[in-house]
């Protein structure tokens, strides 16, 4: 799995915890304090998909398990009701709750992807390496390593170990803008929070509440024509429900979040 896909997946799982400027790749595991305080043990997301407002499919989309300190330690996500279509992810952290290793196993063919992360003495991400192992292989093979370059204590550029530019970032006022190597605007952060993503023909915008949680997402084309909008409901800081509707206000998708807690 390539690094850009991993980045997209990390942004959206789970939505309430991601997109902070200080950790572009959410390696600070920023939700662990809340989950530790509330003694969250696991999360199960049940999803309903609708066709023209009528229920089309219902399935468990996501199962996450957490350590007592709030760190997510395992995650299983499914694309649909076929439980073999998805992935299983395991996480490891350092003493600062920063991700140092993610291991992805694809449920259909059992291929695996592995990413390892390195930090400096100031706990800043400085390097990540992606590895891949096919079903019949005995060991992981290196695919690519990325180097994170800082300016004024923030990520400025991301390059490969062969010095190929992958992305770069510019700050202007309250905003940080993220660009691809070919100078296309891809991401925006406002006051340290992720608010905009450009996926070429599709654009996502994120509205947040006073504590930084996403409360609304809009998906448009490049001409800003609405495709769908999504709203997020919280209780005690935890995401409880997600509802998506198309441009005509017709229900497309519902997600219900159920938590289990340590005693």
Protein backbone atom coordinates (compact mmCIF):
# COMPACT_ATOMS: atom_id res chain seq x y z
CA UNK A 1 0.00 0.00 0.00
CA UNK A 2 1.51 3.35 -0.99
CA UNK A 3 2.16 6.14 1.52
CA UNK A 4 -0.50 8.48 0.13
CA UNK A 5 -3.21 5.86 0.66
CA UNK A 6 -1.99 5.27 4.18
CA UNK A 7 -2.19 9.00 4.83
CA UNK A 8 -5.79 9.13 3.59
CA UNK A 9 -6.74 6.15 5.75
CA UNK A 10 -5.11 7.66 8.82
CA UNK A 11 -6.97 10.90 8.35
CA UNK A 12 -10.36 9.24 8.50
CA UNK A 13 -9.90 6.55 11.16
CA UNK A 14 -11.20 7.83 13.45
CA UNK A 15 -12.09 11.32 12.26
CA UNK A 16 -12.24 12.98 15.65
CA UNK A 17 -8.57 12.49 16.35
CA UNK A 18 -6.77 13.55 13.21
CA UNK A 19 -5.47 16.43 11.16
CA UNK A 20 -3.44 18.45 13.63
CA UNK A 21 -0.66 20.52 12.12
CA UNK A 22 1.83 19.42 14.75
CA UNK A 23 1.45 15.83 13.62
CA UNK A 24 0.58 15.78 9.93
CA UNK A 25 0.41 11.99 10.02
CA UNK A 26 -1.31 11.78 13.44
CA UNK A 27 1.60 9.92 14.94
CA UNK A 28 1.10 11.65 18.29
CA UNK A 29 -1.93 9.42 18.93
CA UNK A 30 -3.59 12.61 20.16
CA UNK A 31 -6.83 11.01 21.34
CA UNK A 32 -5.16 8.75 23.93
CA UNK A 33 -5.69 11.19 26.83
CA UNK A 34 -9.46 11.29 26.31
CA UNK A 35 -9.71 7.52 25.82
CA UNK A 36 -7.59 6.90 28.90
CA UNK A 37 -9.68 9.31 31.00
CA UNK A 38 -12.93 7.65 29.92
CA UNK A 39 -11.42 4.14 30.16
CA UNK A 40 -12.37 3.22 26.59
CA UNK A 41 -11.59 -0.43 25.92
CA UNK A 42 -13.01 -0.87 22.41
CA UNK A 43 -15.02 0.83 19.70
CA UNK A 44 -17.37 -0.78 17.19
CA UNK A 45 -18.77 1.20 14.26
CA UNK A 46 -21.96 -0.14 12.67
CA UNK A 47 -22.68 1.28 9.22
CA UNK A 48 -25.85 1.53 7.18
CA UNK A 49 -25.67 2.40 3.49
CA UNK A 50 -28.71 3.73 1.65
CA UNK A 51 -29.77 3.85 -1.99
CA UNK A 52 -32.17 6.72 -2.71
CA UNK A 53 -32.96 6.87 0.99
CA UNK A 54 -33.70 3.13 1.30
CA UNK A 55 -31.51 0.80 3.33
CA UNK A 56 -29.23 -1.13 1.00
CA UNK A 57 -26.65 -2.73 3.30
CA UNK A 58 -25.81 -2.90 7.01
CA UNK A 59 -22.53 -4.16 8.45
CA UNK A 60 -19.84 -3.67 11.09
CA UNK A 61 -17.29 -1.39 9.45
CA UNK A 62 -14.73 -0.81 12.17
CA UNK A 63 -13.51 -2.46 15.36
CA UNK A 64 -10.81 -0.78 17.44
CA UNK A 65 -9.15 -2.02 20.63
CA UNK A 66 -7.41 0.27 23.14
CA UNK A 67 -4.91 -0.23 25.93
CA UNK A 68 -5.75 1.08 29.40
CA UNK A 69 -3.55 4.13 28.70
CA UNK A 70 -5.73 5.08 25.72
CA UNK A 71 -3.41 3.90 22.94
CA UNK A 72 -5.09 2.15 20.05
CA UNK A 73 -3.44 -1.25 19.72
CA UNK A 74 -5.47 -2.96 17.03
CA UNK A 75 -7.90 -1.95 14.32
CA UNK A 76 -10.00 -3.98 11.89
CA UNK A 77 -11.92 -2.28 9.11
CA UNK A 78 -14.24 -3.82 6.52
CA UNK A 79 -15.37 -2.30 3.24
CA UNK A 80 -18.76 -4.02 3.28
CA UNK A 81 -20.57 -7.03 4.74
CA UNK A 82 -17.89 -9.33 3.27
CA UNK A 83 -15.65 -9.75 6.30
CA UNK A 84 -12.69 -10.75 4.11
CA UNK A 85 -12.66 -7.40 2.31
CA UNK A 86 -10.67 -5.05 4.51
CA UNK A 87 -7.59 -4.90 6.72
CA UNK A 88 -6.24 -5.60 10.19
CA UNK A 89 -3.82 -3.04 11.67
CA UNK A 90 -1.61 -3.38 14.74
CA UNK A 91 0.16 -0.43 16.39
CA UNK A 92 3.21 0.10 18.59
CA UNK A 93 4.20 3.30 20.43
CA UNK A 94 7.08 4.91 22.26
CA UNK A 95 6.84 6.25 25.82
CA UNK A 96 5.39 9.52 24.49
CA UNK A 97 2.44 7.73 22.86
CA UNK A 98 3.88 8.40 19.39
CA UNK A 99 3.43 5.71 16.76
CA UNK A 100 6.66 3.85 16.02
CA UNK A 101 5.22 0.97 13.98
CA UNK A 102 2.05 0.09 12.08
CA UNK A 103 1.55 -3.33 10.55
CA UNK A 104 -1.27 -3.79 8.01
CA UNK A 105 -2.58 -7.21 7.02
CA UNK A 106 -5.00 -7.28 4.08
CA UNK A 107 -7.75 -9.76 4.87
CA UNK A 108 -8.37 -11.02 1.35
CA UNK A 109 -4.89 -12.04 0.17
CA UNK A 110 -2.97 -11.71 3.49
CA UNK A 111 -0.37 -9.39 2.00
CA UNK A 112 1.22 -7.15 4.61
CA UNK A 113 2.46 -3.56 4.78
CA UNK A 114 4.69 -2.27 7.54
CA UNK A 115 5.69 1.30 8.40
CA UNK A 116 8.27 2.27 11.01
CA UNK A 117 8.71 5.82 12.35
CA UNK A 118 11.69 7.59 13.90
CA UNK A 119 11.72 10.71 16.11
CA UNK A 120 14.46 13.05 17.30
CA UNK A 121 15.23 14.04 20.88
CA UNK A 122 12.55 16.75 20.66
CA UNK A 123 9.94 14.11 19.73
CA UNK A 124 9.64 15.37 16.15
CA UNK A 125 9.07 12.89 13.35
CA UNK A 126 12.24 12.71 11.24
CA UNK A 127 11.93 9.51 9.21
CA UNK A 128 9.45 6.84 8.15
CA UNK A 129 10.05 3.67 6.13
CA UNK A 130 7.51 1.53 4.29
CA UNK A 131 7.94 -2.21 3.83
CA UNK A 132 5.91 -4.82 1.98
CA UNK A 133 5.55 -8.59 2.33
CA UNK A 134 3.55 -10.77 -0.05
CA UNK A 135 1.59 -13.76 1.19
CA UNK A 136 4.30 -16.29 0.36
CA UNK A 137 7.29 -14.18 1.41
CA UNK A 138 9.24 -14.79 4.60
CA UNK A 139 10.37 -11.22 5.27
CA UNK A 140 9.45 -7.62 4.56
CA UNK A 141 11.11 -5.77 1.68
CA UNK A 142 11.88 -2.06 1.86
CA UNK A 143 9.77 0.07 -0.49
CA UNK A 144 10.57 3.66 0.44
CA UNK A 145 11.86 5.87 3.23
CA UNK A 146 10.77 9.46 3.78
CA UNK A 147 12.74 12.21 5.52
CA UNK A 148 10.89 15.05 7.29
CA UNK A 149 12.61 18.43 7.15
CA UNK A 150 11.70 21.20 9.61
CA UNK A 151 11.81 24.99 9.51
CA UNK A 152 10.84 27.12 12.52
CA UNK A 153 9.80 23.99 14.40
CA UNK A 154 7.28 22.80 11.80
CA UNK A 155 7.42 20.35 8.92
CA UNK A 156 8.66 22.19 5.85
CA UNK A 157 9.44 19.46 3.31
CA UNK A 158 9.09 15.71 2.94
CA UNK A 159 11.68 13.96 0.77
CA UNK A 160 12.76 10.43 -0.02
CA UNK A 161 16.18 9.21 1.06
CA UNK A 162 17.12 9.65 -2.62
CA UNK A 163 16.30 13.39 -2.22
CA UNK A 164 13.09 13.24 -4.29
CA UNK A 165 10.62 15.87 -3.10
CA UNK A 166 7.25 14.39 -2.08
CA UNK A 167 5.50 17.39 -0.51
CA UNK A 168 6.15 20.77 1.07
CA UNK A 169 4.33 23.19 3.37
CA UNK A 170 3.98 26.98 3.61
CA UNK A 171 2.58 29.08 6.45
CA UNK A 172 0.53 32.22 5.89
CA UNK A 173 -1.23 33.80 8.85
CA UNK A 174 -3.33 31.19 10.66
CA UNK A 175 -3.01 28.74 7.77
CA UNK A 176 -0.48 26.12 6.71
CA UNK A 177 -0.78 24.98 3.10
CA UNK A 178 0.43 21.58 1.96
CA UNK A 179 1.56 21.08 -1.64
CA UNK A 180 2.50 18.07 -3.72
CA UNK A 181 5.87 17.94 -5.49
CA UNK A 182 4.23 19.31 -8.66
CA UNK A 183 3.08 22.40 -6.70
CA UNK A 184 -0.59 21.44 -6.42
CA UNK A 185 -2.39 22.52 -3.25
CA UNK A 186 -3.42 19.37 -1.39
CA UNK A 187 -4.03 20.28 2.25
CA UNK A 188 -4.91 23.24 4.44
CA UNK A 189 -4.54 23.58 8.21
CA UNK A 190 -6.05 26.43 10.20
CA UNK A 191 -4.71 27.15 13.68
CA UNK A 192 -3.17 23.70 13.66
CA UNK A 193 -6.32 21.86 12.53
CA UNK A 194 -6.85 20.03 9.24
CA UNK A 195 -9.62 21.82 7.30
CA UNK A 196 -9.16 21.08 3.57
CA UNK A 197 -8.08 18.22 1.32
CA UNK A 198 -7.80 18.27 -2.47
CA UNK A 199 -7.92 14.84 -4.09
CA UNK A 200 -7.67 16.17 -7.66
CA UNK A 201 -11.30 16.01 -8.85
CA UNK A 202 -12.76 15.89 -5.33
CA UNK A 203 -12.40 18.43 -2.53
CA UNK A 204 -13.16 17.84 1.15
CA UNK A 205 -13.69 20.65 3.67
CA UNK A 206 -13.91 20.17 7.43
CA UNK A 207 -15.71 22.35 10.00
CA UNK A 208 -14.68 21.96 13.63
CA UNK A 209 -16.03 22.83 17.06
CA UNK A 210 -14.18 24.86 19.71
CA UNK A 211 -12.12 21.87 20.85
CA UNK A 212 -11.07 20.87 17.34
CA UNK A 213 -13.44 17.98 16.67
CA UNK A 214 -14.84 17.68 13.16
CA UNK A 215 -18.56 18.50 13.16
CA UNK A 216 -19.20 18.70 9.43
CA UNK A 217 -17.57 17.54 6.21
CA UNK A 218 -18.53 18.68 2.72
CA UNK A 219 -17.48 16.93 -0.47
CA UNK A 220 -17.52 18.97 -3.68
CA UNK A 221 -16.10 18.84 -7.18
CA UNK A 222 -13.51 21.36 -8.38
CA UNK A 223 -16.30 23.79 -9.28
CA UNK A 224 -17.56 23.62 -5.68
CA UNK A 225 -20.73 21.77 -6.66
CA UNK A 226 -21.90 19.86 -3.59
CA UNK A 227 -21.72 16.06 -3.82
CA UNK A 228 -22.56 15.20 -0.23
CA UNK A 229 -22.28 16.54 3.32
CA UNK A 230 -21.64 14.71 6.57
CA UNK A 231 -22.39 15.74 10.17
CA UNK A 232 -20.83 14.33 13.34
CA UNK A 233 -22.43 14.01 16.79
CA UNK A 234 -20.48 13.72 20.06
CA UNK A 235 -21.15 12.89 23.69
CA UNK A 236 -18.57 13.50 26.45
CA UNK A 237 -16.02 14.11 23.72
CA UNK A 238 -16.60 10.77 22.00
CA UNK A 239 -17.92 10.49 18.47
CA UNK A 240 -21.33 8.79 18.60
CA UNK A 241 -23.00 9.14 15.20
CA UNK A 242 -22.13 10.15 11.64
CA UNK A 243 -24.80 10.94 9.03
CA UNK A 244 -24.13 11.60 5.32
CA UNK A 245 -26.60 13.01 2.80
CA UNK A 246 -26.28 13.80 -0.89
CA UNK A 247 -26.70 17.22 -2.50
CA UNK A 248 -30.49 16.78 -2.47
CA UNK A 249 -30.58 15.98 1.24
CA UNK A 250 -31.26 12.27 0.65
CA UNK A 251 -29.76 9.94 3.24
CA UNK A 252 -26.71 8.05 1.96
CA UNK A 253 -24.96 6.66 5.02
CA UNK A 254 -25.21 6.35 8.82
CA UNK A 255 -22.55 5.26 11.28
CA UNK A 256 -23.27 4.43 14.92
CA UNK A 257 -20.39 4.32 17.41
CA UNK A 258 -20.58 1.96 20.38
CA UNK A 259 -17.92 1.92 23.11
CA UNK A 260 -16.94 -0.63 25.72
CA UNK A 261 -15.10 0.49 28.83
CA UNK A 262 -12.61 -0.87 31.33
CA UNK A 263 -14.11 -1.43 34.76
